[in-house]
Amino acid sequence: MHGQDIAVPLGRTIEPPADAAATGATTAVRVGWPVWRKHRIDGFALRATDIEWSHGEGAEILGPIRALLLLITGRPAGLESVTGAGVPRLSARMLAG
């Protein structure tokens, strides 16, 4: 995660091993605070496009697992790499704090 914090603003991509990113995402959605605020992703169906991983129900957010992990952990930089009907609402929610 911290490598992504540096790479994304610099326009670089770090491709973490997919299984490690999936494990991180699964752990983050289970752990909750302080890793993430649950309400941030409530009402969204997160679906990885590069591996088999999903979480939640609602408006769809589609993207690579690395981007979803960024979003789950509260990093708006992940918004640049996702698509779906839920993106505008998630973006507004994240940027509002």
Protein backbone atom coordinates (compact mmCIF):
# COMPACT_ATOMS: atom_id res chain seq x y z
CA MET A 1 0.00 0.00 0.00
CA HIS A 2 2.62 2.52 0.94
CA GLY A 3 4.47 1.93 -2.31
CA GLN A 4 1.24 2.74 -4.15
CA ASP A 5 0.93 5.94 -2.10
CA ILE A 6 4.18 7.09 -3.67
CA ALA A 7 3.84 5.57 -7.15
CA VAL A 8 0.32 6.70 -8.07
CA PRO A 9 0.91 10.47 -7.66
CA LEU A 10 4.07 10.07 -9.75
CA GLY A 11 2.08 8.43 -12.54
CA ARG A 12 3.72 5.08 -12.01
CA THR A 13 2.14 1.70 -11.56
CA ILE A 14 3.27 -0.94 -9.13
CA GLU A 15 1.63 -4.26 -9.88
CA PRO A 16 1.47 -6.17 -6.62
CA PRO A 17 1.10 -9.94 -6.82
CA ALA A 18 -2.63 -10.49 -7.40
CA ASP A 19 -2.98 -12.99 -4.57
CA ALA A 20 -1.30 -10.62 -2.11
CA ALA A 21 -3.53 -7.73 -3.18
CA ALA A 22 -6.63 -9.93 -2.87
CA THR A 23 -5.57 -11.04 0.60
CA GLY A 24 -4.97 -7.41 1.55
CA ALA A 25 -8.38 -6.36 0.25
CA THR A 26 -10.16 -9.22 2.00
CA THR A 27 -8.36 -8.46 5.24
CA ALA A 28 -9.06 -4.73 4.99
CA VAL A 29 -12.81 -5.22 4.55
CA ARG A 30 -12.88 -7.59 7.53
CA VAL A 31 -10.71 -5.53 9.89
CA GLY A 32 -12.51 -2.22 9.54
CA TRP A 33 -11.26 0.72 11.54
CA PRO A 34 -8.47 1.86 11.61
CA VAL A 35 -7.80 0.41 8.15
CA TRP A 36 -11.00 1.76 6.64
CA ARG A 37 -14.31 3.30 7.59
CA LYS A 38 -16.98 0.76 6.77
CA HIS A 39 -19.53 3.28 5.62
CA ARG A 40 -17.19 4.41 2.85
CA ILE A 41 -17.87 1.31 0.75
CA ASP A 42 -21.38 0.48 2.00
CA GLY A 43 -23.81 0.24 -0.89
CA PHE A 44 -21.20 -0.67 -3.49
CA ALA A 45 -20.33 -3.92 -5.24
CA LEU A 46 -16.56 -3.94 -5.67
CA ARG A 47 -15.48 -6.28 -8.49
CA ALA A 48 -11.89 -6.93 -9.53
CA THR A 49 -11.38 -7.10 -13.29
CA ASP A 50 -7.99 -8.79 -13.22
CA ILE A 51 -8.63 -11.59 -10.71
CA GLU A 52 -11.62 -13.31 -9.17
CA TRP A 53 -12.46 -11.10 -6.18
CA SER A 54 -15.55 -9.20 -5.13
CA HIS A 55 -17.11 -7.62 -2.08
CA GLY A 56 -20.44 -6.07 -1.26
CA GLU A 57 -23.70 -5.31 -2.99
CA GLY A 58 -25.02 -2.23 -4.72
CA ALA A 59 -23.75 0.11 -7.41
CA GLU A 60 -20.86 -1.55 -9.20
CA ILE A 61 -17.24 -0.42 -8.98
CA LEU A 62 -15.00 -2.31 -11.44
CA GLY A 63 -11.23 -2.22 -11.61
CA PRO A 64 -7.94 -3.95 -10.95
CA ILE A 65 -7.52 -5.33 -7.45
CA ARG A 66 -4.73 -2.83 -6.72
CA ALA A 67 -7.17 0.06 -7.35
CA LEU A 68 -9.89 -1.53 -5.24
CA LEU A 69 -7.43 -2.01 -2.40
CA LEU A 70 -6.55 1.68 -2.60
CA LEU A 71 -10.23 2.59 -2.38
CA ILE A 72 -10.95 0.22 0.51
CA THR A 73 -8.13 1.76 2.49
CA GLY A 74 -9.34 5.29 1.82
CA ARG A 75 -7.00 6.38 -0.93
CA PRO A 76 -8.86 8.38 -3.62
CA ALA A 77 -6.01 7.76 -6.08
CA GLY A 78 -7.70 4.43 -6.80
CA LEU A 79 -10.61 6.29 -8.40
CA GLU A 80 -8.51 6.93 -11.52
CA SER A 81 -8.44 3.22 -12.36
CA VAL A 82 -12.05 2.17 -11.80
CA THR A 83 -15.30 2.32 -13.76
CA GLY A 84 -18.92 1.54 -13.07
CA ALA A 85 -22.21 3.10 -12.08
CA GLY A 86 -21.06 3.61 -8.49
CA VAL A 87 -17.92 5.62 -9.24
CA PRO A 88 -19.49 9.12 -9.10
CA ARG A 89 -21.15 8.43 -5.74
CA LEU A 90 -18.06 6.75 -4.26
CA SER A 91 -15.90 9.61 -5.51
CA ALA A 92 -18.14 12.18 -3.85
CA ARG A 93 -18.20 10.17 -0.63
CA MET A 94 -14.42 9.76 -0.51
CA LEU A 95 -13.59 13.33 -1.39
CA ALA A 96 -16.05 14.62 1.22
CA GLY A 97 -14.04 12.83 3.87
